[in-house]
PDB file of N, CA and C in Angstrom:
ATOM      1  N   MET A   1     -13.644 -29.288  46.581  1.00  0.00           N
ATOM      2  CA  MET A   1     -14.905 -29.724  47.147  1.00  0.00           C
ATOM      3  C   MET A   1     -14.885 -29.413  48.645  1.00  0.00           C
ATOM      4  N   MET A   2     -16.044 -29.071  49.169  1.00  0.00           N
ATOM      5  CA  MET A   2     -16.183 -28.717  50.579  1.00  0.00           C
ATOM      6  C   MET A   2     -16.980 -29.786  51.300  1.00  0.00           C
ATOM      7  N   THR A   3     -16.564 -30.129  52.495  1.00  0.00           N
ATOM      8  CA  THR A   3     -17.313 -31.057  53.332  1.00  0.00           C
ATOM      9  C   THR A   3     -18.130 -30.243  54.323  1.00  0.00           C
ATOM     10  N   LEU A   4     -19.392 -30.624  54.480  1.00  0.00           N
ATOM     11  CA  LEU A   4     -20.301 -29.907  55.364  1.00  0.00           C
ATOM     12  C   LEU A   4     -21.004 -30.925  56.248  1.00  0.00           C
ATOM     13  N   THR A   5     -21.026 -30.677  57.547  1.00  0.00           N
ATOM     14  CA  THR A   5     -21.726 -31.560  58.484  1.00  0.00           C
ATOM     15  C   THR A   5     -22.941 -30.825  59.022  1.00  0.00           C
ATOM     16  N   LEU A   6     -24.095 -31.490  58.963  1.00  0.00           N
ATOM     17  CA  LEU A   6     -25.336 -30.888  59.439  1.00  0.00           C
ATOM     18  C   LEU A   6     -25.946 -31.732  60.540  1.00  0.00           C
ATOM     19  N   ASP A   7     -26.504 -31.074  61.542  1.00  0.00           N
ATOM     20  CA  ASP A   7     -27.285 -31.751  62.570  1.00  0.00           C
ATOM     21  C   ASP A   7     -28.749 -31.570  62.191  1.00  0.00           C
ATOM     22  N   LEU A   8     -29.390 -32.656  61.783  1.00  0.00           N
ATOM     23  CA  LEU A   8     -30.774 -32.604  61.334  1.00  0.00           C
ATOM     24  C   LEU A   8     -31.690 -33.289  62.332  1.00  0.00           C
ATOM     25  N   PRO A   9     -32.925 -32.808  62.440  1.00  0.00           N
ATOM     26  CA  PRO A   9     -33.896 -33.547  63.242  1.00  0.00           C
ATOM     27  C   PRO A   9     -34.086 -34.937  62.635  1.00  0.00           C
ATOM     28  N   LYS A  10     -34.327 -35.916  63.470  1.00  0.00           N
ATOM     29  CA  LYS A  10     -34.465 -37.298  63.013  1.00  0.00           C
ATOM     30  C   LYS A  10     -35.536 -37.438  61.933  1.00  0.00           C
ATOM     31  N   GLU A  11     -36.649 -36.715  62.088  1.00  0.00           N
ATOM     32  CA  GLU A  11     -37.739 -36.800  61.109  1.00  0.00           C
ATOM     33  C   GLU A  11     -37.285 -36.337  59.727  1.00  0.00           C
ATOM     34  N   LEU A  12     -36.517 -35.249  59.694  1.00  0.00           N
ATOM     35  CA  LEU A  12     -36.026 -34.733  58.416  1.00  0.00           C
ATOM     36  C   LEU A  12     -35.026 -35.700  57.803  1.00  0.00           C
ATOM     37  N   GLU A  13     -34.155 -36.246  58.617  1.00  0.00           N
ATOM     38  CA  GLU A  13     -33.195 -37.235  58.127  1.00  0.00           C
ATOM     39  C   GLU A  13     -33.925 -38.435  57.512  1.00  0.00           C
ATOM     40  N   THR A  14     -34.968 -38.881  58.187  1.00  0.00           N
ATOM     41  CA  THR A  14     -35.748 -40.022  57.685  1.00  0.00           C
ATOM     42  C   THR A  14     -36.398 -39.689  56.349  1.00  0.00           C
ATOM     43  N   GLU A  15     -36.989 -38.492  56.253  1.00  0.00           N
ATOM     44  CA  GLU A  15     -37.642 -38.076  55.005  1.00  0.00           C
ATOM     45  C   GLU A  15     -36.634 -37.971  53.860  1.00  0.00           C
ATOM     46  N   LEU A  16     -35.506 -37.347  54.141  1.00  0.00           N
ATOM     47  CA  LEU A  16     -34.480 -37.193  53.102  1.00  0.00           C
ATOM     48  C   LEU A  16     -33.933 -38.545  52.660  1.00  0.00           C
ATOM     49  N   SER A  17     -33.686 -39.422  53.602  1.00  0.00           N
ATOM     50  CA  SER A  17     -33.178 -40.756  53.277  1.00  0.00           C
ATOM     51  C   SER A  17     -34.177 -41.533  52.441  1.00  0.00           C
ATOM     52  N   ALA A  18     -35.439 -41.435  52.789  1.00  0.00           N
ATOM     53  CA  ALA A  18     -36.476 -42.161  52.046  1.00  0.00           C
ATOM     54  C   ALA A  18     -36.583 -41.641  50.612  1.00  0.00           C
ATOM     55  N   GLU A  19     -36.550 -40.331  50.447  1.00  0.00           N
ATOM     56  CA  GLU A  19     -36.650 -39.764  49.096  1.00  0.00           C
ATOM     57  C   GLU A  19     -35.420 -40.104  48.270  1.00  0.00           C
ATOM     58  N   ALA A  20     -34.248 -40.061  48.878  1.00  0.00           N
ATOM     59  CA  ALA A  20     -33.025 -40.440  48.169  1.00  0.00           C
ATOM     60  C   ALA A  20     -33.101 -41.891  47.717  1.00  0.00           C
ATOM     61  N   ALA A  21     -33.577 -42.762  48.596  1.00  0.00           N
ATOM     62  CA  ALA A  21     -33.709 -44.180  48.242  1.00  0.00           C
ATOM     63  C   ALA A  21     -34.715 -44.369  47.116  1.00  0.00           C
ATOM     64  N   ARG A  22     -35.828 -43.627  47.180  1.00  0.00           N
ATOM     65  CA  ARG A  22     -36.846 -43.731  46.133  1.00  0.00           C
ATOM     66  C   ARG A  22     -36.270 -43.346  44.770  1.00  0.00           C
ATOM     67  N   LEU A  23     -35.376 -42.367  44.769  1.00  0.00           N
ATOM     68  CA  LEU A  23     -34.754 -41.908  43.526  1.00  0.00           C
ATOM     69  C   LEU A  23     -33.532 -42.734  43.142  1.00  0.00           C
ATOM     70  N   GLY A  24     -33.138 -43.656  44.034  1.00  0.00           N
ATOM     71  CA  GLY A  24     -31.964 -44.481  43.750  1.00  0.00           C
ATOM     72  C   GLY A  24     -30.662 -43.713  43.867  1.00  0.00           C
ATOM     73  N   LEU A  25     -30.643 -42.720  44.763  1.00  0.00           N
ATOM     74  CA  LEU A  25     -29.452 -41.896  44.944  1.00  0.00           C
ATOM     75  C   LEU A  25     -28.886 -42.073  46.342  1.00  0.00           C
ATOM     76  N   PRO A  26     -27.568 -41.975  46.477  1.00  0.00           N
ATOM     77  CA  PRO A  26     -27.006 -41.918  47.829  1.00  0.00           C
ATOM     78  C   PRO A  26     -27.473 -40.618  48.495  1.00  0.00           C
ATOM     79  N   LEU A  27     -27.649 -40.652  49.788  1.00  0.00           N
ATOM     80  CA  LEU A  27     -28.144 -39.475  50.510  1.00  0.00           C
ATOM     81  C   LEU A  27     -27.283 -38.231  50.262  1.00  0.00           C
ATOM     82  N   PRO A  28     -25.937 -38.318  50.297  1.00  0.00           N
ATOM     83  CA  PRO A  28     -25.142 -37.108  50.040  1.00  0.00           C
ATOM     84  C   PRO A  28     -25.400 -36.504  48.652  1.00  0.00           C
ATOM     85  N   GLU A  29     -25.593 -37.346  47.647  1.00  0.00           N
ATOM     86  CA  GLU A  29     -25.866 -36.847  46.295  1.00  0.00           C
ATOM     87  C   GLU A  29     -27.232 -36.169  46.253  1.00  0.00           C
ATOM     88  N   TYR A  30     -28.219 -36.775  46.893  1.00  0.00           N
ATOM     89  CA  TYR A  30     -29.553 -36.180  46.924  1.00  0.00           C
ATOM     90  C   TYR A  30     -29.504 -34.821  47.636  1.00  0.00           C
ATOM     91  N   ALA A  31     -28.797 -34.738  48.748  1.00  0.00           N
ATOM     92  CA  ALA A  31     -28.677 -33.478  49.484  1.00  0.00           C
ATOM     93  C   ALA A  31     -27.971 -32.427  48.631  1.00  0.00           C
ATOM     94  N   ARG A  32     -26.930 -32.827  47.888  1.00  0.00           N
ATOM     95  CA  ARG A  32     -26.220 -31.888  47.017  1.00  0.00           C
ATOM     96  C   ARG A  32     -27.176 -31.326  45.972  1.00  0.00           C
ATOM     97  N   ARG A  33     -28.015 -32.189  45.400  1.00  0.00           N
ATOM     98  CA  ARG A  33     -28.971 -31.729  44.384  1.00  0.00           C
ATOM     99  C   ARG A  33     -29.997 -30.774  44.978  1.00  0.00           C
ATOM    100  N   LEU A  34     -30.452 -31.061  46.191  1.00  0.00           N
ATOM    101  CA  LEU A  34     -31.400 -30.156  46.845  1.00  0.00           C
ATOM    102  C   LEU A  34     -30.773 -28.786  47.074  1.00  0.00           C
ATOM    103  N   LEU A  35     -29.545 -28.777  47.555  1.00  0.00           N
ATOM    104  CA  LEU A  35     -28.867 -27.509  47.799  1.00  0.00           C
ATOM    105  C   LEU A  35     -28.637 -26.748  46.499  1.00  0.00           C
ATOM    106  N   ALA A  36     -28.242 -27.450  45.458  1.00  0.00           N
ATOM    107  CA  ALA A  36     -28.006 -26.796  44.164  1.00  0.00           C
ATOM    108  C   ALA A  36     -29.306 -26.214  43.612  1.00  0.00           C
ATOM    109  N   ALA A  37     -30.408 -26.923  43.793  1.00  0.00           N
ATOM    110  CA  ALA A  37     -31.702 -26.454  43.284  1.00  0.00           C
ATOM    111  C   ALA A  37     -32.175 -25.223  44.032  1.00  0.00           C
ATOM    112  N   GLY A  38     -31.737 -25.046  45.268  1.00  0.00           N
ATOM    113  CA  GLY A  38     -32.173 -23.920  46.071  1.00  0.00           C
ATOM    114  C   GLY A  38     -31.382 -22.641  45.838  1.00  0.00           C
ATOM    115  N   ARG A  39     -30.357 -22.712  45.016  1.00  0.00           N
ATOM    116  CA  ARG A  39     -29.569 -21.513  44.731  1.00  0.00           C
ATOM    117  C   ARG A  39     -30.391 -20.517  43.935  1.00  0.00           C
ATOM    118  N   ALA A  40     -29.963 -19.268  44.000  1.00  0.00           N
ATOM    119  CA  ALA A  40     -30.652 -18.239  43.205  1.00  0.00           C
ATOM    120  C   ALA A  40     -30.516 -18.600  41.732  1.00  0.00           C
ATOM    121  N   PRO A  41     -31.608 -18.531  41.013  1.00  0.00           N
ATOM    122  CA  PRO A  41     -31.552 -18.915  39.607  1.00  0.00           C
ATOM    123  C   PRO A  41     -30.761 -17.925  38.774  1.00  0.00           C
ATOM    124  N   GLY A  42     -30.115 -18.463  37.751  1.00  0.00           N
ATOM    125  CA  GLY A  42     -29.429 -17.618  36.786  1.00  0.00           C
ATOM    126  C   GLY A  42     -30.405 -17.274  35.679  1.00  0.00           C
ATOM    127  N   ALA A  43     -29.879 -16.904  34.563  1.00  0.00           N
ATOM    128  CA  ALA A  43     -30.728 -16.598  33.419  1.00  0.00           C
ATOM    129  C   ALA A  43     -31.425 -17.872  32.949  1.00  0.00           C
ATOM    130  N   SER A  44     -32.684 -17.757  32.617  1.00  0.00           N
ATOM    131  CA  SER A  44     -33.456 -18.910  32.136  1.00  0.00           C
ATOM    132  C   SER A  44     -32.972 -19.306  30.749  1.00  0.00           C
ATOM    133  N   PRO A  45     -32.976 -20.603  30.460  1.00  0.00           N
ATOM    134  CA  PRO A  45     -32.607 -21.042  29.109  1.00  0.00           C
ATOM    135  C   PRO A  45     -33.544 -20.404  28.081  1.00  0.00           C
ATOM    136  N   GLN A  46     -32.972 -19.953  26.979  1.00  0.00           N
ATOM    137  CA  GLN A  46     -33.750 -19.281  25.947  1.00  0.00           C
ATOM    138  C   GLN A  46     -34.010 -20.148  24.725  1.00  0.00           C
ATOM    139  N   THR A  47     -33.214 -21.214  24.569  1.00  0.00           N
ATOM    140  CA  THR A  47     -33.373 -22.087  23.411  1.00  0.00           C
ATOM    141  C   THR A  47     -33.438 -23.531  23.877  1.00  0.00           C
ATOM    142  N   GLY A  48     -33.846 -24.404  22.992  1.00  0.00           N
ATOM    143  CA  GLY A  48     -33.866 -25.827  23.314  1.00  0.00           C
ATOM    144  C   GLY A  48     -32.477 -26.334  23.671  1.00  0.00           C
ATOM    145  N   ALA A  49     -31.479 -25.860  22.953  1.00  0.00           N
ATOM    146  CA  ALA A  49     -30.093 -26.288  23.216  1.00  0.00           C
ATOM    147  C   ALA A  49     -29.646 -25.847  24.614  1.00  0.00           C
ATOM    148  N   GLU A  50     -30.009 -24.628  25.010  1.00  0.00           N
ATOM    149  CA  GLU A  50     -29.657 -24.147  26.353  1.00  0.00           C
ATOM    150  C   GLU A  50     -30.380 -24.951  27.428  1.00  0.00           C
ATOM    151  N   LEU A  51     -31.645 -25.293  27.172  1.00  0.00           N
ATOM    152  CA  LEU A  51     -32.400 -26.095  28.127  1.00  0.00           C
ATOM    153  C   LEU A  51     -31.785 -27.482  28.270  1.00  0.00           C
ATOM    154  N   LEU A  52     -31.429 -28.088  27.163  1.00  0.00           N
ATOM    155  CA  LEU A  52     -30.788 -29.405  27.191  1.00  0.00           C
ATOM    156  C   LEU A  52     -29.457 -29.341  27.935  1.00  0.00           C
ATOM    157  N   ALA A  53     -28.671 -28.300  27.697  1.00  0.00           N
ATOM    158  CA  ALA A  53     -27.391 -28.130  28.404  1.00  0.00           C
ATOM    159  C   ALA A  53     -27.637 -27.986  29.913  1.00  0.00           C
ATOM    160  N   TYR A  54     -28.673 -27.236  30.277  1.00  0.00           N
ATOM    161  CA  TYR A  54     -29.021 -27.071  31.696  1.00  0.00           C
ATOM    162  C   TYR A  54     -29.392 -28.409  32.315  1.00  0.00           C
ATOM    163  N   TRP A  55     -30.249 -29.179  31.626  1.00  0.00           N
ATOM    164  CA  TRP A  55     -30.654 -30.488  32.140  1.00  0.00           C
ATOM    165  C   TRP A  55     -29.455 -31.400  32.298  1.00  0.00           C
ATOM    166  N   ARG A  56     -28.503 -31.338  31.386  1.00  0.00           N
ATOM    167  CA  ARG A  56     -27.283 -32.170  31.511  1.00  0.00           C
ATOM    168  C   ARG A  56     -26.462 -31.740  32.723  1.00  0.00           C
ATOM    169  N   ARG A  57     -26.285 -30.422  32.899  1.00  0.00           N
ATOM    170  CA  ARG A  57     -25.524 -29.918  34.059  1.00  0.00           C
ATOM    171  C   ARG A  57     -26.163 -30.337  35.367  1.00  0.00           C
ATOM    172  N   GLU A  58     -27.477 -30.307  35.413  1.00  0.00           N
ATOM    173  CA  GLU A  58     -28.204 -30.648  36.634  1.00  0.00           C
ATOM    174  C   GLU A  58     -28.421 -32.154  36.783  1.00  0.00           C
ATOM    175  N   GLU A  59     -27.918 -32.913  35.814  1.00  0.00           N
ATOM    176  CA  GLU A  59     -27.996 -34.381  35.821  1.00  0.00           C
ATOM    177  C   GLU A  59     -29.435 -34.885  35.853  1.00  0.00           C
ATOM    178  N   VAL A  60     -30.314 -34.160  35.160  1.00  0.00           N
ATOM    179  CA  VAL A  60     -31.702 -34.580  35.051  1.00  0.00           C
ATOM    180  C   VAL A  60     -31.818 -35.707  34.026  1.00  0.00           C
ATOM    181  N   ILE A  61     -31.100 -35.562  32.930  1.00  0.00           N
ATOM    182  CA  ILE A  61     -31.152 -36.567  31.868  1.00  0.00           C
ATOM    183  C   ILE A  61     -30.549 -37.865  32.399  1.00  0.00           C
ATOM    184  N   GLY A  62     -31.308 -38.924  32.295  1.00  0.00           N
ATOM    185  CA  GLY A  62     -30.860 -40.226  32.769  1.00  0.00           C
ATOM    186  C   GLY A  62     -31.079 -40.454  34.256  1.00  0.00           C
ATOM    187  N   SER A  63     -31.769 -39.524  34.915  1.00  0.00           N
ATOM    188  CA  SER A  63     -31.962 -39.646  36.366  1.00  0.00           C
ATOM    189  C   SER A  63     -33.093 -40.600  36.740  1.00  0.00           C
ATOM    190  N   ARG A  64     -33.846 -41.080  35.754  1.00  0.00           N
ATOM    191  CA  ARG A  64     -34.948 -42.008  36.027  1.00  0.00           C
ATOM    192  C   ARG A  64     -34.761 -43.287  35.208  1.00  0.00           C
ATOM    193  N   PRO A  65     -33.810 -44.137  35.610  1.00  0.00           N
ATOM    194  CA  PRO A  65     -33.575 -45.366  34.848  1.00  0.00           C
ATOM    195  C   PRO A  65     -34.767 -46.322  34.881  1.00  0.00           C
ATOM    196  N   ASP A  66     -35.705 -46.086  35.799  1.00  0.00           N
ATOM    197  CA  ASP A  66     -36.893 -46.934  35.873  1.00  0.00           C
ATOM    198  C   ASP A  66     -37.881 -46.653  34.738  1.00  0.00           C
ATOM    199  N   ILE A  67     -37.683 -45.566  33.992  1.00  0.00           N
ATOM    200  CA  ILE A  67     -38.556 -45.229  32.869  1.00  0.00           C
ATOM    201  C   ILE A  67     -37.850 -45.647  31.588  1.00  0.00           C
ATOM    202  N   ALA A  68     -38.296 -46.761  31.016  1.00  0.00           N
ATOM    203  CA  ALA A  68     -37.649 -47.288  29.814  1.00  0.00           C
ATOM    204  C   ALA A  68     -38.087 -46.537  28.562  1.00  0.00           C
ATOM    205  N   ASP A  69     -39.359 -46.157  28.492  1.00  0.00           N
ATOM    206  CA  ASP A  69     -39.910 -45.484  27.312  1.00  0.00           C
ATOM    207  C   ASP A  69     -40.527 -44.169  27.773  1.00  0.00           C
ATOM    208  N   SER A  70     -39.798 -43.065  27.598  1.00  0.00           N
ATOM    209  CA  SER A  70     -40.258 -41.789  28.136  1.00  0.00           C
ATOM    210  C   SER A  70     -41.531 -41.286  27.458  1.00  0.00           C
ATOM    211  N   LEU A  71     -41.689 -41.539  26.166  1.00  0.00           N
ATOM    212  CA  LEU A  71     -42.906 -41.108  25.492  1.00  0.00           C
ATOM    213  C   LEU A  71     -44.128 -41.851  26.024  1.00  0.00           C
ATOM    214  N   GLU A  72     -44.004 -43.152  26.199  1.00  0.00           N
ATOM    215  CA  GLU A  72     -45.122 -43.930  26.729  1.00  0.00           C
ATOM    216  C   GLU A  72     -45.424 -43.519  28.168  1.00  0.00           C
ATOM    217  N   TYR A  73     -44.385 -43.242  28.942  1.00  0.00           N
ATOM    218  CA  TYR A  73     -44.575 -42.788  30.321  1.00  0.00           C
ATOM    219  C   TYR A  73     -45.349 -41.464  30.334  1.00  0.00           C
ATOM    220  N   ALA A  74     -44.987 -40.533  29.441  1.00  0.00           N
ATOM    221  CA  ALA A  74     -45.676 -39.244  29.362  1.00  0.00           C
ATOM    222  C   ALA A  74     -47.136 -39.446  28.950  1.00  0.00           C
ATOM    223  N   ARG A  75     -47.369 -40.355  28.015  1.00  0.00           N
ATOM    224  CA  ARG A  75     -48.752 -40.631  27.600  1.00  0.00           C
ATOM    225  C   ARG A  75     -49.573 -41.187  28.769  1.00  0.00           C
ATOM    226  N   THR A  76     -48.978 -42.077  29.531  1.00  0.00           N
ATOM    227  CA  THR A  76     -49.658 -42.667  30.682  1.00  0.00           C
ATOM    228  C   THR A  76     -50.028 -41.597  31.702  1.00  0.00           C
ATOM    229  N   ILE A  77     -49.088 -40.717  31.998  1.00  0.00           N
ATOM    230  CA  ILE A  77     -49.355 -39.636  32.953  1.00  0.00           C
ATOM    231  C   ILE A  77     -50.477 -38.740  32.433  1.00  0.00           C
ATOM    232  N   ARG A  78     -50.427 -38.441  31.141  1.00  0.00           N
ATOM    233  CA  ARG A  78     -51.470 -37.592  30.565  1.00  0.00           C
ATOM    234  C   ARG A  78     -52.840 -38.265  30.666  1.00  0.00           C
ATOM    235  N   ARG A  79     -52.908 -39.557  30.326  1.00  0.00           N
ATOM    236  CA  ARG A  79     -54.186 -40.276  30.421  1.00  0.00           C
ATOM    237  C   ARG A  79     -54.707 -40.254  31.859  1.00  0.00           C
ATOM    238  N   GLN A  80     -53.819 -40.456  32.824  1.00  0.00           N
ATOM    239  CA  GLN A  80     -54.227 -40.440  34.223  1.00  0.00           C
ATOM    240  C   GLN A  80     -54.750 -39.071  34.619  1.00  0.00           C
ATOM    241  N   ALA A  81     -54.079 -38.021  34.161  1.00  0.00           N
ATOM    242  CA  ALA A  81     -54.521 -36.660  34.482  1.00  0.00           C
ATOM    243  C   ALA A  81     -55.879 -36.364  33.851  1.00  0.00           C
ATOM    244  N   GLU A  82     -56.066 -36.794  32.640  1.00  0.00           N
ATOM    245  CA  GLU A  82     -57.334 -36.541  31.958  1.00  0.00           C
ATOM    246  C   GLU A  82     -58.483 -37.328  32.570  1.00  0.00           C
ATOM    247  N   ALA A  83     -58.173 -38.479  33.173  1.00  0.00           N
ATOM    248  CA  ALA A  83     -59.212 -39.323  33.760  1.00  0.00           C
ATOM    249  C   ALA A  83     -59.606 -38.903  35.179  1.00  0.00           C
ATOM    250  N   ARG A  84     -58.818 -38.006  35.781  1.00  0.00           N
ATOM    251  CA  ARG A  84     -59.146 -37.556  37.138  1.00  0.00           C
ATOM    252  C   ARG A  84     -60.478 -36.830  37.153  1.00  0.00           C
ATOM    253  N   SER A  85     -61.228 -37.056  38.227  1.00  0.00           N
ATOM    254  CA  SER A  85     -62.490 -36.322  38.363  1.00  0.00           C
ATOM    255  C   SER A  85     -62.186 -34.898  38.828  1.00  0.00           C
ATOM    256  N   GLN A  86     -63.007 -33.997  38.411  1.00  0.00           N
ATOM    257  CA  GLN A  86     -62.735 -32.594  38.717  1.00  0.00           C
ATOM    258  C   GLN A  86     -63.551 -32.086  39.850  1.00  0.00           C
TER     259      GLN A  86
END
């Protein structure tokens, strides 16, 4: 593992800290995820199994403990989107 020290503008530090807190992540973990997401993409998953493996590697699965029922959450988001005025 490599340690990296960054000098960030105060505003950026505040934004990153706030988003990490909103996600329930320590700031270093949130920063690691941002850096990993910014890497050049590899081959796109071609099957459901590959997509699931990718989500597990990226620690997406289980990253929202505040959502108890994912199907109901998806339905709620869909209803909200459909109710928006155009």
